[in-house]
Amino acid sequence: MGIIDNINKLFDHRIRLGIMSILMVNDDADFTRLKELLDVTDGNLASHIKALEKEEYILVEKKFIDRKPNTSYSATKLGRAAFKRHIEALENLIRKK
Protein backbone atom coordinates (compact mmCIF):
# COMPACT_ATOMS: atom_id res chain seq x y z
CA MET A 1 0.00 0.00 0.00
CA GLY A 2 1.45 3.35 -1.05
CA ILE A 3 1.77 6.33 1.27
CA ILE A 4 -0.72 8.36 -0.74
CA ASP A 5 -3.44 5.69 -1.05
CA ASN A 6 -5.65 7.26 1.63
CA ILE A 7 -5.40 10.79 0.25
CA ASN A 8 -8.92 11.67 -0.85
CA LYS A 9 -9.13 13.67 -4.08
CA LEU A 10 -12.40 15.21 -2.93
CA PHE A 11 -10.49 17.09 -0.21
CA ASP A 12 -7.88 18.42 -2.65
CA HIS A 13 -9.70 21.72 -2.96
CA ARG A 14 -9.12 24.22 -0.16
CA ILE A 15 -12.82 25.08 0.15
CA ARG A 16 -13.93 21.45 0.60
CA LEU A 17 -11.02 20.96 3.00
CA GLY A 18 -12.19 24.05 4.87
CA ILE A 19 -15.83 22.95 5.00
CA MET A 20 -14.88 19.57 6.44
CA SER A 21 -12.41 21.11 8.89
CA ILE A 22 -15.12 23.41 10.24
CA LEU A 23 -17.66 20.58 10.48
CA MET A 24 -15.19 18.28 12.24
CA VAL A 25 -14.85 20.70 15.17
CA ASN A 26 -18.48 21.94 15.24
CA ASP A 27 -21.69 19.93 15.50
CA ASP A 28 -23.00 21.93 12.56
CA ALA A 29 -22.63 25.22 10.72
CA ASP A 30 -25.08 27.17 8.60
CA PHE A 31 -24.47 28.48 5.10
CA THR A 32 -23.79 32.05 6.23
CA ARG A 33 -21.25 30.95 8.84
CA LEU A 34 -19.38 28.74 6.35
CA LYS A 35 -19.41 31.56 3.80
CA GLU A 36 -17.96 34.03 6.33
CA LEU A 37 -15.30 31.65 7.66
CA LEU A 38 -14.14 30.57 4.21
CA ASP A 39 -14.57 33.99 2.52
CA VAL A 40 -16.24 32.59 -0.61
CA THR A 41 -19.20 33.49 -2.82
CA ASP A 42 -22.61 31.82 -2.48
CA GLY A 43 -22.24 29.97 -5.76
CA ASN A 44 -18.73 28.76 -5.02
CA LEU A 45 -19.69 27.48 -1.57
CA ALA A 46 -22.86 25.84 -2.89
CA SER A 47 -20.98 23.87 -5.55
CA HIS A 48 -18.46 22.54 -3.04
CA ILE A 49 -21.21 21.65 -0.57
CA LYS A 50 -23.02 19.79 -3.34
CA ALA A 51 -19.87 17.72 -4.08
CA LEU A 52 -19.55 16.73 -0.40
CA GLU A 53 -23.27 16.02 -0.13
CA LYS A 54 -23.17 13.81 -3.23
CA GLU A 55 -20.55 11.60 -1.55
CA GLU A 56 -22.69 11.59 1.62
CA TYR A 57 -19.89 13.25 3.61
CA ILE A 58 -22.20 15.99 4.87
CA LEU A 59 -25.82 16.14 5.91
CA VAL A 60 -27.94 19.11 4.83
CA GLU A 61 -30.77 20.27 7.10
CA LYS A 62 -33.23 22.94 6.00
CA LYS A 63 -35.43 24.65 8.58
CA PHE A 64 -36.98 27.99 9.44
CA ILE A 65 -35.66 30.24 12.20
CA ASP A 66 -37.95 33.18 12.99
CA ARG A 67 -39.74 32.59 9.68
CA LYS A 68 -36.49 32.81 7.72
CA PRO A 69 -35.09 29.80 5.86
CA ASN A 70 -31.89 28.42 7.35
CA THR A 71 -29.72 25.66 5.91
CA SER A 72 -27.21 23.97 8.18
CA TYR A 73 -24.64 21.29 7.51
CA SER A 74 -23.03 18.59 9.60
CA ALA A 75 -20.43 15.94 8.87
CA THR A 76 -21.78 12.41 8.55
CA LYS A 77 -20.12 9.40 10.15
CA LEU A 78 -18.86 8.43 6.68
CA GLY A 79 -17.54 11.96 6.07
CA ARG A 80 -15.77 12.09 9.44
CA ALA A 81 -14.08 8.75 8.79
CA ALA A 82 -13.00 9.75 5.26
CA PHE A 83 -11.64 13.08 6.47
CA LYS A 84 -9.72 11.48 9.34
CA ARG A 85 -8.14 8.99 6.90
CA HIS A 86 -7.22 11.88 4.59
CA ILE A 87 -5.57 13.91 7.38
CA GLU A 88 -3.73 10.82 8.67
CA ALA A 89 -2.46 10.12 5.13
CA LEU A 90 -1.18 13.69 4.83
CA GLU A 91 0.52 13.42 8.23
CA ASN A 92 2.15 10.13 7.19
CA LEU A 93 3.33 11.71 3.94
CA ILE A 94 4.90 14.62 5.85
CA ARG A 95 6.60 12.26 8.32
CA LYS A 96 8.10 10.20 5.49
CA LYS A 97 9.99 13.20 4.10
PDB file of N, CA and C in Angstrom:
ATOM      1  N   MET A   1       0.844  -1.196   0.000  1.00  0.00           N
ATOM      2  CA  MET A   1       0.000   0.000   0.000  1.00  0.00           C
ATOM      3  C   MET A   1       0.882   1.250   0.000  1.00  0.00           C
ATOM      4  N   GLY A   2       0.646   2.144  -0.938  1.00  0.00           N
ATOM      5  CA  GLY A   2       1.451   3.350  -1.046  1.00  0.00           C
ATOM      6  C   GLY A   2       1.093   4.383   0.005  1.00  0.00           C
ATOM      7  N   ILE A   3       2.004   5.328   0.230  1.00  0.00           N
ATOM      8  CA  ILE A   3       1.765   6.326   1.274  1.00  0.00           C
ATOM      9  C   ILE A   3       0.696   7.345   0.901  1.00  0.00           C
ATOM     10  N   ILE A   4       0.317   7.391  -0.364  1.00  0.00           N
ATOM     11  CA  ILE A   4      -0.724   8.365  -0.743  1.00  0.00           C
ATOM     12  C   ILE A   4      -2.071   7.702  -1.028  1.00  0.00           C
ATOM     13  N   ASP A   5      -2.192   6.410  -0.750  1.00  0.00           N
ATOM     14  CA  ASP A   5      -3.436   5.688  -1.048  1.00  0.00           C
ATOM     15  C   ASP A   5      -4.663   6.255  -0.337  1.00  0.00           C
ATOM     16  N   ASN A   6      -4.503   6.748   0.878  1.00  0.00           N
ATOM     17  CA  ASN A   6      -5.655   7.257   1.626  1.00  0.00           C
ATOM     18  C   ASN A   6      -5.905   8.748   1.422  1.00  0.00           C
ATOM     19  N   ILE A   7      -5.134   9.374   0.552  1.00  0.00           N
ATOM     20  CA  ILE A   7      -5.397  10.787   0.255  1.00  0.00           C
ATOM     21  C   ILE A   7      -6.636  10.850  -0.637  1.00  0.00           C
ATOM     22  N   ASN A   8      -7.617  11.595  -0.186  1.00  0.00           N
ATOM     23  CA  ASN A   8      -8.918  11.671  -0.846  1.00  0.00           C
ATOM     24  C   ASN A   8      -8.947  12.874  -1.795  1.00  0.00           C
ATOM     25  N   LYS A   9      -9.106  12.608  -3.080  1.00  0.00           N
ATOM     26  CA  LYS A   9      -9.125  13.675  -4.085  1.00  0.00           C
ATOM     27  C   LYS A   9     -10.224  14.705  -3.827  1.00  0.00           C
ATOM     28  N   LEU A  10     -11.297  14.288  -3.198  1.00  0.00           N
ATOM     29  CA  LEU A  10     -12.397  15.212  -2.925  1.00  0.00           C
ATOM     30  C   LEU A  10     -11.954  16.346  -2.004  1.00  0.00           C
ATOM     31  N   PHE A  11     -10.972  16.062  -1.145  1.00  0.00           N
ATOM     32  CA  PHE A  11     -10.495  17.086  -0.205  1.00  0.00           C
ATOM     33  C   PHE A  11      -9.311  17.879  -0.754  1.00  0.00           C
ATOM     34  N   ASP A  12      -8.991  17.691  -2.042  1.00  0.00           N
ATOM     35  CA  ASP A  12      -7.881  18.422  -2.651  1.00  0.00           C
ATOM     36  C   ASP A  12      -8.135  19.922  -2.712  1.00  0.00           C
ATOM     37  N   HIS A  13      -9.380  20.301  -2.840  1.00  0.00           N
ATOM     38  CA  HIS A  13      -9.699  21.719  -2.962  1.00  0.00           C
ATOM     39  C   HIS A  13      -9.768  22.380  -1.586  1.00  0.00           C
ATOM     40  N   ARG A  14      -9.201  23.552  -1.466  1.00  0.00           N
ATOM     41  CA  ARG A  14      -9.120  24.221  -0.160  1.00  0.00           C
ATOM     42  C   ARG A  14     -10.494  24.515   0.440  1.00  0.00           C
ATOM     43  N   ILE A  15     -11.493  24.769  -0.394  1.00  0.00           N
ATOM     44  CA  ILE A  15     -12.823  25.076   0.148  1.00  0.00           C
ATOM     45  C   ILE A  15     -13.462  23.825   0.738  1.00  0.00           C
ATOM     46  N   ARG A  16     -13.379  22.699   0.043  1.00  0.00           N
ATOM     47  CA  ARG A  16     -13.926  21.452   0.602  1.00  0.00           C
ATOM     48  C   ARG A  16     -13.150  21.030   1.849  1.00  0.00           C
ATOM     49  N   LEU A  17     -11.847  21.238   1.825  1.00  0.00           N
ATOM     50  CA  LEU A  17     -11.018  20.957   2.997  1.00  0.00           C
ATOM     51  C   LEU A  17     -11.463  21.847   4.162  1.00  0.00           C
ATOM     52  N   GLY A  18     -11.733  23.099   3.855  1.00  0.00           N
ATOM     53  CA  GLY A  18     -12.192  24.047   4.873  1.00  0.00           C
ATOM     54  C   GLY A  18     -13.558  23.695   5.427  1.00  0.00           C
ATOM     55  N   ILE A  19     -14.485  23.330   4.561  1.00  0.00           N
ATOM     56  CA  ILE A  19     -15.834  22.952   5.000  1.00  0.00           C
ATOM     57  C   ILE A  19     -15.739  21.778   5.977  1.00  0.00           C
ATOM     58  N   MET A  20     -14.990  20.754   5.577  1.00  0.00           N
ATOM     59  CA  MET A  20     -14.884  19.571   6.439  1.00  0.00           C
ATOM     60  C   MET A  20     -14.150  19.888   7.732  1.00  0.00           C
ATOM     61  N   SER A  21     -13.138  20.722   7.678  1.00  0.00           N
ATOM     62  CA  SER A  21     -12.411  21.106   8.892  1.00  0.00           C
ATOM     63  C   SER A  21     -13.343  21.795   9.883  1.00  0.00           C
ATOM     64  N   ILE A  22     -14.167  22.693   9.380  1.00  0.00           N
ATOM     65  CA  ILE A  22     -15.124  23.406  10.240  1.00  0.00           C
ATOM     66  C   ILE A  22     -16.137  22.431  10.832  1.00  0.00           C
ATOM     67  N   LEU A  23     -16.640  21.510  10.000  1.00  0.00           N
ATOM     68  CA  LEU A  23     -17.663  20.577  10.478  1.00  0.00           C
ATOM     69  C   LEU A  23     -17.094  19.494  11.392  1.00  0.00           C
ATOM     70  N   MET A  24     -15.803  19.267  11.342  1.00  0.00           N
ATOM     71  CA  MET A  24     -15.187  18.281  12.236  1.00  0.00           C
ATOM     72  C   MET A  24     -15.115  18.807  13.675  1.00  0.00           C
ATOM     73  N   VAL A  25     -15.001  20.119  13.834  1.00  0.00           N
ATOM     74  CA  VAL A  25     -14.855  20.700  15.174  1.00  0.00           C
ATOM     75  C   VAL A  25     -16.135  21.377  15.679  1.00  0.00           C
ATOM     76  N   ASN A  26     -17.175  21.387  14.857  1.00  0.00           N
ATOM     77  CA  ASN A  26     -18.480  21.942  15.241  1.00  0.00           C
ATOM     78  C   ASN A  26     -19.555  20.908  14.937  1.00  0.00           C
ATOM     79  N   ASP A  27     -20.586  20.861  15.763  1.00  0.00           N
ATOM     80  CA  ASP A  27     -21.687  19.931  15.496  1.00  0.00           C
ATOM     81  C   ASP A  27     -22.331  20.229  14.153  1.00  0.00           C
ATOM     82  N   ASP A  28     -22.456  21.518  13.844  1.00  0.00           N
ATOM     83  CA  ASP A  28     -23.004  21.932  12.560  1.00  0.00           C
ATOM     84  C   ASP A  28     -22.608  23.382  12.295  1.00  0.00           C
ATOM     85  N   ALA A  29     -22.878  23.827  11.090  1.00  0.00           N
ATOM     86  CA  ALA A  29     -22.634  25.223  10.718  1.00  0.00           C
ATOM     87  C   ALA A  29     -23.618  25.572   9.617  1.00  0.00           C
ATOM     88  N   ASP A  30     -24.141  26.796   9.666  1.00  0.00           N
ATOM     89  CA  ASP A  30     -25.075  27.173   8.603  1.00  0.00           C
ATOM     90  C   ASP A  30     -24.323  27.804   7.428  1.00  0.00           C
ATOM     91  N   PHE A  31     -25.052  28.000   6.354  1.00  0.00           N
ATOM     92  CA  PHE A  31     -24.469  28.479   5.103  1.00  0.00           C
ATOM     93  C   PHE A  31     -23.738  29.807   5.309  1.00  0.00           C
ATOM     94  N   THR A  32     -24.375  30.724   6.017  1.00  0.00           N
ATOM     95  CA  THR A  32     -23.790  32.049   6.228  1.00  0.00           C
ATOM     96  C   THR A  32     -22.482  31.952   7.005  1.00  0.00           C
ATOM     97  N   ARG A  33     -22.462  31.125   8.024  1.00  0.00           N
ATOM     98  CA  ARG A  33     -21.246  30.953   8.839  1.00  0.00           C
ATOM     99  C   ARG A  33     -20.110  30.363   7.993  1.00  0.00           C
ATOM    100  N   LEU A  34     -20.406  29.340   7.210  1.00  0.00           N
ATOM    101  CA  LEU A  34     -19.382  28.743   6.346  1.00  0.00           C
ATOM    102  C   LEU A  34     -18.857  29.773   5.352  1.00  0.00           C
ATOM    103  N   LYS A  35     -19.774  30.544   4.785  1.00  0.00           N
ATOM    104  CA  LYS A  35     -19.411  31.561   3.796  1.00  0.00           C
ATOM    105  C   LYS A  35     -18.476  32.602   4.421  1.00  0.00           C
ATOM    106  N   GLU A  36     -18.794  33.038   5.641  1.00  0.00           N
ATOM    107  CA  GLU A  36     -17.962  34.030   6.333  1.00  0.00           C
ATOM    108  C   GLU A  36     -16.585  33.459   6.680  1.00  0.00           C
ATOM    109  N   LEU A  37     -16.567  32.256   7.236  1.00  0.00           N
ATOM    110  CA  LEU A  37     -15.298  31.652   7.659  1.00  0.00           C
ATOM    111  C   LEU A  37     -14.376  31.356   6.487  1.00  0.00           C
ATOM    112  N   LEU A  38     -14.955  30.964   5.362  1.00  0.00           N
ATOM    113  CA  LEU A  38     -14.143  30.572   4.210  1.00  0.00           C
ATOM    114  C   LEU A  38     -13.930  31.713   3.207  1.00  0.00           C
ATOM    115  N   ASP A  39     -14.677  32.810   3.388  1.00  0.00           N
ATOM    116  CA  ASP A  39     -14.574  33.986   2.524  1.00  0.00           C
ATOM    117  C   ASP A  39     -14.746  33.616   1.051  1.00  0.00           C
ATOM    118  N   VAL A  40     -15.915  33.023   0.756  1.00  0.00           N
ATOM    119  CA  VAL A  40     -16.237  32.594  -0.605  1.00  0.00           C
ATOM    120  C   VAL A  40     -17.604  33.128  -1.022  1.00  0.00           C
ATOM    121  N   THR A  41     -17.891  33.052  -2.312  1.00  0.00           N
ATOM    122  CA  THR A  41     -19.195  33.486  -2.816  1.00  0.00           C
ATOM    123  C   THR A  41     -20.244  32.400  -2.561  1.00  0.00           C
ATOM    124  N   ASP A  42     -21.506  32.785  -2.648  1.00  0.00           N
ATOM    125  CA  ASP A  42     -22.606  31.825  -2.476  1.00  0.00           C
ATOM    126  C   ASP A  42     -22.482  30.659  -3.452  1.00  0.00           C
ATOM    127  N   GLY A  43     -22.298  30.990  -4.729  1.00  0.00           N
ATOM    128  CA  GLY A  43     -22.236  29.967  -5.763  1.00  0.00           C
ATOM    129  C   GLY A  43     -21.063  29.020  -5.579  1.00  0.00           C
ATOM    130  N   ASN A  44     -19.918  29.566  -5.229  1.00  0.00           N
ATOM    131  CA  ASN A  44     -18.727  28.761  -5.024  1.00  0.00           C
ATOM    132  C   ASN A  44     -18.933  27.798  -3.857  1.00  0.00           C
ATOM    133  N   LEU A  45     -19.441  28.321  -2.748  1.00  0.00           N
ATOM    134  CA  LEU A  45     -19.687  27.478  -1.573  1.00  0.00           C
ATOM    135  C   LEU A  45     -20.724  26.410  -1.896  1.00  0.00           C
ATOM    136  N   ALA A  46     -21.787  26.788  -2.567  1.00  0.00           N
ATOM    137  CA  ALA A  46     -22.861  25.843  -2.891  1.00  0.00           C
ATOM    138  C   ALA A  46     -22.346  24.675  -3.734  1.00  0.00           C
ATOM    139  N   SER A  47     -21.486  24.957  -4.701  1.00  0.00           N
ATOM    140  CA  SER A  47     -20.985  23.872  -5.553  1.00  0.00           C
ATOM    141  C   SER A  47     -20.100  22.904  -4.769  1.00  0.00           C
ATOM    142  N   HIS A  48     -19.324  23.411  -3.842  1.00  0.00           N
ATOM    143  CA  HIS A  48     -18.465  22.536  -3.037  1.00  0.00           C
ATOM    144  C   HIS A  48     -19.285  21.742  -2.022  1.00  0.00           C
ATOM    145  N   ILE A  49     -20.313  22.365  -1.477  1.00  0.00           N
ATOM    146  CA  ILE A  49     -21.214  21.652  -0.568  1.00  0.00           C
ATOM    147  C   ILE A  49     -21.899  20.509  -1.313  1.00  0.00           C
ATOM    148  N   LYS A  50     -22.335  20.798  -2.531  1.00  0.00           N
ATOM    149  CA  LYS A  50     -23.020  19.786  -3.344  1.00  0.00           C
ATOM    150  C   LYS A  50     -22.109  18.577  -3.584  1.00  0.00           C
ATOM    151  N   ALA A  51     -20.826  18.817  -3.847  1.00  0.00           N
ATOM    152  CA  ALA A  51     -19.874  17.721  -4.080  1.00  0.00           C
ATOM    153  C   ALA A  51     -19.729  16.850  -2.825  1.00  0.00           C
ATOM    154  N   LEU A  52     -19.668  17.480  -1.661  1.00  0.00           N
ATOM    155  CA  LEU A  52     -19.546  16.731  -0.402  1.00  0.00           C
ATOM    156  C   LEU A  52     -20.846  16.002  -0.069  1.00  0.00           C
ATOM    157  N   GLU A  53     -21.973  16.644  -0.372  1.00  0.00           N
ATOM    158  CA  GLU A  53     -23.274  16.023  -0.127  1.00  0.00           C
ATOM    159  C   GLU A  53     -23.463  14.800  -1.036  1.00  0.00           C
ATOM    160  N   LYS A  54     -23.035  14.905  -2.271  1.00  0.00           N
ATOM    161  CA  LYS A  54     -23.171  13.808  -3.231  1.00  0.00           C
ATOM    162  C   LYS A  54     -22.452  12.548  -2.740  1.00  0.00           C
ATOM    163  N   GLU A  55     -21.313  12.729  -2.091  1.00  0.00           N
ATOM    164  CA  GLU A  55     -20.546  11.598  -1.551  1.00  0.00           C
ATOM    165  C   GLU A  55     -21.050  11.157  -0.178  1.00  0.00           C
ATOM    166  N   GLU A  56     -22.094  11.850   0.308  1.00  0.00           N
ATOM    167  CA  GLU A  56     -22.690  11.589   1.620  1.00  0.00           C
ATOM    168  C   GLU A  56     -21.716  11.846   2.767  1.00  0.00           C
ATOM    169  N   TYR A  57     -20.837  12.843   2.574  1.00  0.00           N
ATOM    170  CA  TYR A  57     -19.894  13.246   3.607  1.00  0.00           C
ATOM    171  C   TYR A  57     -20.489  14.305   4.528  1.00  0.00           C
ATOM    172  N   ILE A  58     -21.514  15.004   4.027  1.00  0.00           N
ATOM    173  CA  ILE A  58     -22.196  15.991   4.869  1.00  0.00           C
ATOM    174  C   ILE A  58     -23.703  15.798   4.771  1.00  0.00           C
ATOM    175  N   LEU A  59     -24.367  16.205   5.831  1.00  0.00           N
ATOM    176  CA  LEU A  59     -25.819  16.144   5.908  1.00  0.00           C
ATOM    177  C   LEU A  59     -26.346  17.570   5.840  1.00  0.00           C
ATOM    178  N   VAL A  60     -27.348  17.789   5.008  1.00  0.00           N
ATOM    179  CA  VAL A  60     -27.943  19.114   4.835  1.00  0.00           C
ATOM    180  C   VAL A  60     -29.298  19.129   5.540  1.00  0.00           C
ATOM    181  N   GLU A  61     -29.496  20.131   6.379  1.00  0.00           N
ATOM    182  CA  GLU A  61     -30.767  20.267   7.095  1.00  0.00           C
ATOM    183  C   GLU A  61     -31.341  21.654   6.843  1.00  0.00           C
ATOM    184  N   LYS A  62     -32.557  21.674   6.287  1.00  0.00           N
ATOM    185  CA  LYS A  62     -33.226  22.943   6.003  1.00  0.00           C
ATOM    186  C   LYS A  62     -34.346  23.138   7.022  1.00  0.00           C
ATOM    187  N   LYS A  63     -34.388  24.328   7.605  1.00  0.00           N
ATOM    188  CA  LYS A  63     -35.430  24.645   8.582  1.00  0.00           C
ATOM    189  C   LYS A  63     -35.690  26.148   8.551  1.00  0.00           C
ATOM    190  N   PHE A  64     -36.673  26.571   9.321  1.00  0.00           N
ATOM    191  CA  PHE A  64     -36.977  27.986   9.443  1.00  0.00           C
ATOM    192  C   PHE A  64     -36.639  28.451  10.849  1.00  0.00           C
ATOM    193  N   ILE A  65     -35.955  29.603  10.921  1.00  0.00           N
ATOM    194  CA  ILE A  65     -35.665  30.241  12.200  1.00  0.00           C
ATOM    195  C   ILE A  65     -36.266  31.632  12.132  1.00  0.00           C
ATOM    196  N   ASP A  66     -37.222  31.902  13.016  1.00  0.00           N
ATOM    197  CA  ASP A  66     -37.949  33.177  12.989  1.00  0.00           C
ATOM    198  C   ASP A  66     -38.492  33.488  11.598  1.00  0.00           C
ATOM    199  N   ARG A  67     -39.113  32.493  11.003  1.00  0.00           N
ATOM    200  CA  ARG A  67     -39.739  32.590   9.682  1.00  0.00           C
ATOM    201  C   ARG A  67     -38.771  32.780   8.525  1.00  0.00           C
ATOM    202  N   LYS A  68     -37.491  32.672   8.790  1.00  0.00           N
ATOM    203  CA  LYS A  68     -36.487  32.808   7.724  1.00  0.00           C
ATOM    204  C   LYS A  68     -35.877  31.440   7.448  1.00  0.00           C
ATOM    205  N   PRO A  69     -35.694  31.100   6.170  1.00  0.00           N
ATOM    206  CA  PRO A  69     -35.087  29.805   5.857  1.00  0.00           C
ATOM    207  C   PRO A  69     -33.633  29.754   6.337  1.00  0.00           C
ATOM    208  N   ASN A  70     -33.247  28.617   6.865  1.00  0.00           N
ATOM    209  CA  ASN A  70     -31.891  28.421   7.345  1.00  0.00           C
ATOM    210  C   ASN A  70     -31.430  27.022   6.927  1.00  0.00           C
ATOM    211  N   THR A  71     -30.272  26.944   6.318  1.00  0.00           N
ATOM    212  CA  THR A  71     -29.716  25.662   5.915  1.00  0.00           C
ATOM    213  C   THR A  71     -28.455  25.426   6.717  1.00  0.00           C
ATOM    214  N   SER A  72     -28.409  24.292   7.411  1.00  0.00           N
ATOM    215  CA  SER A  72     -27.211  23.966   8.182  1.00  0.00           C
ATOM    216  C   SER A  72     -26.644  22.636   7.701  1.00  0.00           C
ATOM    217  N   TYR A  73     -25.385  22.451   7.993  1.00  0.00           N
ATOM    218  CA  TYR A  73     -24.645  21.289   7.513  1.00  0.00           C
ATOM    219  C   TYR A  73     -23.918  20.639   8.676  1.00  0.00           C
ATOM    220  N   SER A  74     -23.809  19.324   8.613  1.00  0.00           N
ATOM    221  CA  SER A  74     -23.031  18.588   9.599  1.00  0.00           C
ATOM    222  C   SER A  74     -22.308  17.453   8.882  1.00  0.00           C
ATOM    223  N   ALA A  75     -21.194  17.044   9.451  1.00  0.00           N
ATOM    224  CA  ALA A  75     -20.430  15.941   8.865  1.00  0.00           C
ATOM    225  C   ALA A  75     -21.099  14.625   9.244  1.00  0.00           C
ATOM    226  N   THR A  76     -21.226  13.736   8.284  1.00  0.00           N
ATOM    227  CA  THR A  76     -21.783  12.408   8.550  1.00  0.00           C
ATOM    228  C   THR A  76     -20.690  11.514   9.135  1.00  0.00           C
ATOM    229  N   LYS A  77     -21.090  10.367   9.632  1.00  0.00           N
ATOM    230  CA  LYS A  77     -20.121   9.397  10.149  1.00  0.00           C
ATOM    231  C   LYS A  77     -19.142   8.999   9.034  1.00  0.00           C
ATOM    232  N   LEU A  78     -19.675   8.771   7.838  1.00  0.00           N
ATOM    233  CA  LEU A  78     -18.855   8.431   6.678  1.00  0.00           C
ATOM    234  C   LEU A  78     -17.877   9.565   6.353  1.00  0.00           C
ATOM    235  N   GLY A  79     -18.377  10.795   6.371  1.00  0.00           N
ATOM    236  CA  GLY A  79     -17.542  11.955   6.074  1.00  0.00           C
ATOM    237  C   GLY A  79     -16.439  12.150   7.093  1.00  0.00           C
ATOM    238  N   ARG A  80     -16.781  11.968   8.372  1.00  0.00           N
ATOM    239  CA  ARG A  80     -15.774  12.087   9.437  1.00  0.00           C
ATOM    240  C   ARG A  80     -14.667  11.053   9.263  1.00  0.00           C
ATOM    241  N   ALA A  81     -15.057   9.825   8.969  1.00  0.00           N
ATOM    242  CA  ALA A  81     -14.077   8.750   8.794  1.00  0.00           C
ATOM    243  C   ALA A  81     -13.174   9.029   7.584  1.00  0.00           C
ATOM    244  N   ALA A  82     -13.769   9.458   6.476  1.00  0.00           N
ATOM    245  CA  ALA A  82     -12.999   9.751   5.262  1.00  0.00           C
ATOM    246  C   ALA A  82     -12.035  10.909   5.502  1.00  0.00           C
ATOM    247  N   PHE A  83     -12.492  11.927   6.216  1.00  0.00           N
ATOM    248  CA  PHE A  83     -11.643  13.085   6.469  1.00  0.00           C
ATOM    249  C   PHE A  83     -10.491  12.721   7.398  1.00  0.00           C
ATOM    250  N   LYS A  84     -10.774  11.923   8.419  1.00  0.00           N
ATOM    251  CA  LYS A  84      -9.716  11.478   9.337  1.00  0.00           C
ATOM    252  C   LYS A  84      -8.654  10.678   8.586  1.00  0.00           C
ATOM    253  N   ARG A  85      -9.093   9.772   7.706  1.00  0.00           N
ATOM    254  CA  ARG A  85      -8.136   8.993   6.904  1.00  0.00           C
ATOM    255  C   ARG A  85      -7.285   9.913   6.034  1.00  0.00           C
ATOM    256  N   HIS A  86      -7.925  10.934   5.450  1.00  0.00           N
ATOM    257  CA  HIS A  86      -7.222  11.883   4.593  1.00  0.00           C
ATOM    258  C   HIS A  86      -6.150  12.636   5.385  1.00  0.00           C
ATOM    259  N   ILE A  87      -6.515  13.145   6.551  1.00  0.00           N
ATOM    260  CA  ILE A  87      -5.569  13.907   7.383  1.00  0.00           C
ATOM    261  C   ILE A  87      -4.432  12.993   7.854  1.00  0.00           C
ATOM    262  N   GLU A  88      -4.755  11.772   8.251  1.00  0.00           N
ATOM    263  CA  GLU A  88      -3.726  10.823   8.673  1.00  0.00           C
ATOM    264  C   GLU A  88      -2.774  10.511   7.521  1.00  0.00           C
ATOM    265  N   ALA A  89      -3.307  10.382   6.309  1.00  0.00           N
ATOM    266  CA  ALA A  89      -2.464  10.117   5.135  1.00  0.00           C
ATOM    267  C   ALA A  89      -1.523  11.288   4.875  1.00  0.00           C
ATOM    268  N   LEU A  90      -2.035  12.509   5.016  1.00  0.00           N
ATOM    269  CA  LEU A  90      -1.183  13.686   4.834  1.00  0.00           C
ATOM    270  C   LEU A  90      -0.089  13.732   5.901  1.00  0.00           C
ATOM    271  N   GLU A  91      -0.457  13.429   7.144  1.00  0.00           N
ATOM    272  CA  GLU A  91       0.524  13.418   8.228  1.00  0.00           C
ATOM    273  C   GLU A  91       1.598  12.364   7.976  1.00  0.00           C
ATOM    274  N   ASN A  92       1.188  11.187   7.504  1.00  0.00           N
ATOM    275  CA  ASN A  92       2.146  10.132   7.188  1.00  0.00           C
ATOM    276  C   ASN A  92       3.081  10.558   6.058  1.00  0.00           C
ATOM    277  N   LEU A  93       2.525  11.234   5.072  1.00  0.00           N
ATOM    278  CA  LEU A  93       3.326  11.709   3.943  1.00  0.00           C
ATOM    279  C   LEU A  93       4.377  12.710   4.426  1.00  0.00           C
ATOM    280  N   ILE A  94       3.973  13.603   5.307  1.00  0.00           N
ATOM    281  CA  ILE A  94       4.905  14.616   5.847  1.00  0.00           C
ATOM    282  C   ILE A  94       5.999  13.939   6.676  1.00  0.00           C
ATOM    283  N   ARG A  95       5.628  12.969   7.478  1.00  0.00           N
ATOM    284  CA  ARG A  95       6.604  12.262   8.317  1.00  0.00           C
ATOM    285  C   ARG A  95       7.620  11.467   7.493  1.00  0.00           C
ATOM    286  N   LYS A  96       7.217  11.006   6.324  1.00  0.00           N
ATOM    287  CA  LYS A  96       8.100  10.204   5.486  1.00  0.00           C
ATOM    288  C   LYS A  96       9.212  11.030   4.858  1.00  0.00           C
ATOM    289  N   LYS A  97       9.005  12.317   4.765  1.00  0.00           N
ATOM    290  CA  LYS A  97       9.992  13.200   4.097  1.00  0.00           C
ATOM    291  C   LYS A  97      11.231  13.375   4.942  1.00  0.00           C
TER     292      LYS A  97
END
